[in-house]
Amino acid sequence: MIYFDLGESPYIELIKLLKAENIASSGAEAKMMVDDHIVKVNGEIETRKRAKLREGDTVEVEGWTIQITRK
């Protein structure tokens, strides 16, 4: 499990999170992952590339689980 801290931001967009956590090496790769339906948000396949992830959301992709947190 990876914990991603939003800091002062209210949210992070899905493709930006995938890049920030180095799960995708580029924005294009992150978009492809979403297009290929391999990304789940809160247990459901997510098709919105710019889905706004907020504190408490969980993202699953390619064996990784990311929990969105705020300190």
N, C-alpha and C. Protein backbone atom coordinates (compact mmCIF):
# COMPACT_ATOMS: atom_id res chain seq x y z
N MET A 1 0.86 -1.18 0.00
CA MET A 1 0.00 0.00 0.00
C MET A 1 0.90 1.24 0.00
N ILE A 2 0.57 2.14 -0.88
CA ILE A 2 1.26 3.43 -0.96
C ILE A 2 0.30 4.49 -0.43
N TYR A 3 0.80 5.42 0.36
CA TYR A 3 -0.02 6.53 0.85
C TYR A 3 0.42 7.79 0.15
N PHE A 4 -0.53 8.49 -0.48
CA PHE A 4 -0.23 9.73 -1.18
C PHE A 4 -0.87 10.87 -0.40
N ASP A 5 -0.03 11.80 0.07
CA ASP A 5 -0.50 12.95 0.85
C ASP A 5 -0.85 14.11 -0.09
N LEU A 6 -2.08 14.58 0.00
CA LEU A 6 -2.53 15.70 -0.82
C LEU A 6 -1.90 17.03 -0.40
N GLY A 7 -1.39 17.09 0.80
CA GLY A 7 -0.86 18.36 1.28
C GLY A 7 -1.97 19.38 1.41
N GLU A 8 -1.81 20.56 0.85
CA GLU A 8 -2.82 21.62 0.94
C GLU A 8 -3.85 21.55 -0.19
N SER A 9 -3.61 20.69 -1.19
CA SER A 9 -4.50 20.58 -2.34
C SER A 9 -5.81 19.88 -1.96
N PRO A 10 -6.93 20.28 -2.54
CA PRO A 10 -8.19 19.59 -2.25
C PRO A 10 -8.30 18.25 -2.98
N TYR A 11 -7.54 18.09 -4.08
CA TYR A 11 -7.62 16.86 -4.88
C TYR A 11 -6.39 16.73 -5.76
N ILE A 12 -6.25 15.55 -6.39
CA ILE A 12 -5.25 15.35 -7.45
C ILE A 12 -5.95 14.61 -8.58
N GLU A 13 -5.63 14.95 -9.81
CA GLU A 13 -6.22 14.26 -10.96
C GLU A 13 -5.57 12.88 -11.11
N LEU A 14 -6.35 11.92 -11.57
CA LEU A 14 -5.91 10.53 -11.66
C LEU A 14 -4.61 10.38 -12.44
N ILE A 15 -4.53 10.95 -13.65
CA ILE A 15 -3.31 10.75 -14.44
C ILE A 15 -2.09 11.40 -13.79
N LYS A 16 -2.32 12.50 -13.07
CA LYS A 16 -1.20 13.15 -12.36
C LYS A 16 -0.72 12.27 -11.21
N LEU A 17 -1.64 11.59 -10.54
CA LEU A 17 -1.26 10.68 -9.46
C LEU A 17 -0.43 9.53 -10.01
N LEU A 18 -0.84 8.95 -11.13
CA LEU A 18 -0.10 7.83 -11.71
C LEU A 18 1.32 8.24 -12.09
N LYS A 19 1.48 9.46 -12.58
CA LYS A 19 2.82 9.97 -12.89
C LYS A 19 3.60 10.27 -11.62
N ALA A 20 2.97 10.90 -10.64
CA ALA A 20 3.65 11.28 -9.40
C ALA A 20 4.19 10.07 -8.65
N GLU A 21 3.48 8.95 -8.73
CA GLU A 21 3.91 7.74 -8.04
C GLU A 21 4.76 6.83 -8.93
N ASN A 22 5.14 7.33 -10.11
CA ASN A 22 5.98 6.60 -11.06
C ASN A 22 5.39 5.25 -11.49
N ILE A 23 4.07 5.16 -11.47
CA ILE A 23 3.40 3.98 -12.00
C ILE A 23 3.33 4.11 -13.52
N ALA A 24 3.18 5.34 -13.98
CA ALA A 24 3.24 5.66 -15.41
C ALA A 24 4.44 6.58 -15.62
N SER A 25 5.19 6.34 -16.68
CA SER A 25 6.38 7.15 -16.92
C SER A 25 6.07 8.47 -17.62
N SER A 26 4.84 8.59 -18.15
CA SER A 26 4.46 9.82 -18.85
C SER A 26 2.95 9.99 -18.77
N GLY A 27 2.50 11.17 -19.13
CA GLY A 27 1.07 11.43 -19.18
C GLY A 27 0.38 10.54 -20.21
N ALA A 28 1.05 10.32 -21.33
CA ALA A 28 0.48 9.46 -22.38
C ALA A 28 0.30 8.03 -21.87
N GLU A 29 1.28 7.53 -21.13
CA GLU A 29 1.17 6.18 -20.59
C GLU A 29 0.05 6.11 -19.55
N ALA A 30 -0.07 7.13 -18.72
CA ALA A 30 -1.14 7.17 -17.72
C ALA A 30 -2.51 7.16 -18.40
N LYS A 31 -2.65 7.95 -19.47
CA LYS A 31 -3.92 7.98 -20.21
C LYS A 31 -4.23 6.63 -20.82
N MET A 32 -3.20 5.94 -21.35
CA MET A 32 -3.40 4.61 -21.92
C MET A 32 -3.88 3.61 -20.86
N MET A 33 -3.33 3.70 -19.66
CA MET A 33 -3.74 2.81 -18.58
C MET A 33 -5.23 2.97 -18.29
N VAL A 34 -5.68 4.22 -18.26
CA VAL A 34 -7.10 4.49 -18.02
C VAL A 34 -7.92 3.98 -19.21
N ASP A 35 -7.48 4.26 -20.43
CA ASP A 35 -8.19 3.79 -21.63
C ASP A 35 -8.28 2.27 -21.69
N ASP A 36 -7.27 1.58 -21.16
CA ASP A 36 -7.24 0.11 -21.17
C ASP A 36 -8.04 -0.50 -20.03
N HIS A 37 -8.70 0.35 -19.25
CA HIS A 37 -9.58 -0.10 -18.15
C HIS A 37 -8.85 -0.95 -17.11
N ILE A 38 -7.61 -0.56 -16.77
CA ILE A 38 -6.87 -1.32 -15.75
C ILE A 38 -6.74 -0.53 -14.45
N VAL A 39 -7.37 0.63 -14.39
CA VAL A 39 -7.30 1.47 -13.19
C VAL A 39 -8.66 1.45 -12.49
N LYS A 40 -8.62 1.14 -11.19
CA LYS A 40 -9.84 1.16 -10.38
C LYS A 40 -9.73 2.25 -9.33
N VAL A 41 -10.83 2.94 -9.12
CA VAL A 41 -10.92 3.92 -8.04
C VAL A 41 -12.06 3.47 -7.14
N ASN A 42 -11.74 3.26 -5.89
CA ASN A 42 -12.73 2.78 -4.90
C ASN A 42 -13.43 1.52 -5.38
N GLY A 43 -12.66 0.61 -6.00
CA GLY A 43 -13.17 -0.68 -6.41
C GLY A 43 -13.89 -0.73 -7.75
N GLU A 44 -14.03 0.40 -8.42
CA GLU A 44 -14.72 0.46 -9.71
C GLU A 44 -13.76 0.92 -10.81
N ILE A 45 -13.88 0.33 -12.01
CA ILE A 45 -13.07 0.76 -13.15
C ILE A 45 -13.32 2.24 -13.38
N GLU A 46 -12.24 3.01 -13.49
CA GLU A 46 -12.35 4.45 -13.72
C GLU A 46 -12.00 4.76 -15.17
N THR A 47 -12.89 5.46 -15.86
CA THR A 47 -12.67 5.81 -17.27
C THR A 47 -12.36 7.29 -17.48
N ARG A 48 -12.45 8.07 -16.41
CA ARG A 48 -12.16 9.51 -16.52
C ARG A 48 -10.69 9.75 -16.20
N LYS A 49 -9.95 10.20 -17.17
CA LYS A 49 -8.51 10.43 -17.00
C LYS A 49 -8.23 11.50 -15.95
N ARG A 50 -9.07 12.48 -15.89
CA ARG A 50 -8.86 13.59 -14.97
C ARG A 50 -9.79 13.51 -13.75
N ALA A 51 -10.19 12.30 -13.39
CA ALA A 51 -11.02 12.12 -12.20
C ALA A 51 -10.32 12.76 -11.01
N LYS A 52 -11.06 13.51 -10.23
CA LYS A 52 -10.50 14.21 -9.07
C LYS A 52 -10.51 13.28 -7.87
N LEU A 53 -9.33 12.92 -7.40
CA LEU A 53 -9.19 12.03 -6.26
C LEU A 53 -9.03 12.86 -5.00
N ARG A 54 -9.79 12.48 -3.99
CA ARG A 54 -9.80 13.22 -2.74
C ARG A 54 -9.43 12.31 -1.57
N GLU A 55 -9.21 12.91 -0.42
CA GLU A 55 -8.86 12.16 0.78
C GLU A 55 -9.83 11.00 0.98
N GLY A 56 -9.27 9.82 1.23
CA GLY A 56 -10.08 8.62 1.46
C GLY A 56 -10.24 7.74 0.24
N ASP A 57 -9.98 8.27 -0.96
CA ASP A 57 -10.09 7.47 -2.17
C ASP A 57 -8.95 6.45 -2.23
N THR A 58 -9.22 5.32 -2.88
CA THR A 58 -8.23 4.27 -3.08
C THR A 58 -8.14 3.98 -4.57
N VAL A 59 -6.90 3.92 -5.08
CA VAL A 59 -6.65 3.63 -6.49
C VAL A 59 -5.90 2.30 -6.57
N GLU A 60 -6.34 1.43 -7.48
CA GLU A 60 -5.67 0.15 -7.71
C GLU A 60 -5.29 0.07 -9.18
N VAL A 61 -4.02 -0.29 -9.43
CA VAL A 61 -3.54 -0.44 -10.80
C VAL A 61 -2.30 -1.33 -10.80
N GLU A 62 -2.29 -2.31 -11.66
CA GLU A 62 -1.14 -3.20 -11.87
C GLU A 62 -0.50 -3.68 -10.57
N GLY A 63 -1.31 -4.12 -9.62
CA GLY A 63 -0.79 -4.65 -8.38
C GLY A 63 -0.47 -3.61 -7.32
N TRP A 64 -0.59 -2.35 -7.64
CA TRP A 64 -0.36 -1.27 -6.69
C TRP A 64 -1.68 -0.81 -6.09
N THR A 65 -1.66 -0.45 -4.83
CA THR A 65 -2.82 0.17 -4.18
C THR A 65 -2.34 1.48 -3.57
N ILE A 66 -3.04 2.56 -3.91
CA ILE A 66 -2.66 3.88 -3.43
C ILE A 66 -3.83 4.45 -2.63
N GLN A 67 -3.57 4.84 -1.40
CA GLN A 67 -4.57 5.46 -0.54
C GLN A 67 -4.30 6.95 -0.49
N ILE A 68 -5.32 7.76 -0.82
CA ILE A 68 -5.17 9.21 -0.79
C ILE A 68 -5.41 9.69 0.64
N THR A 69 -4.44 10.43 1.17
CA THR A 69 -4.51 10.88 2.57
C THR A 69 -4.25 12.39 2.64
N ARG A 70 -4.44 12.89 3.84
CA ARG A 70 -4.08 14.28 4.14
C ARG A 70 -3.52 14.29 5.55
N LYS A 71 -2.36 14.88 5.71
CA LYS A 71 -1.75 14.93 7.05
C LYS A 71 -2.32 16.07 7.85
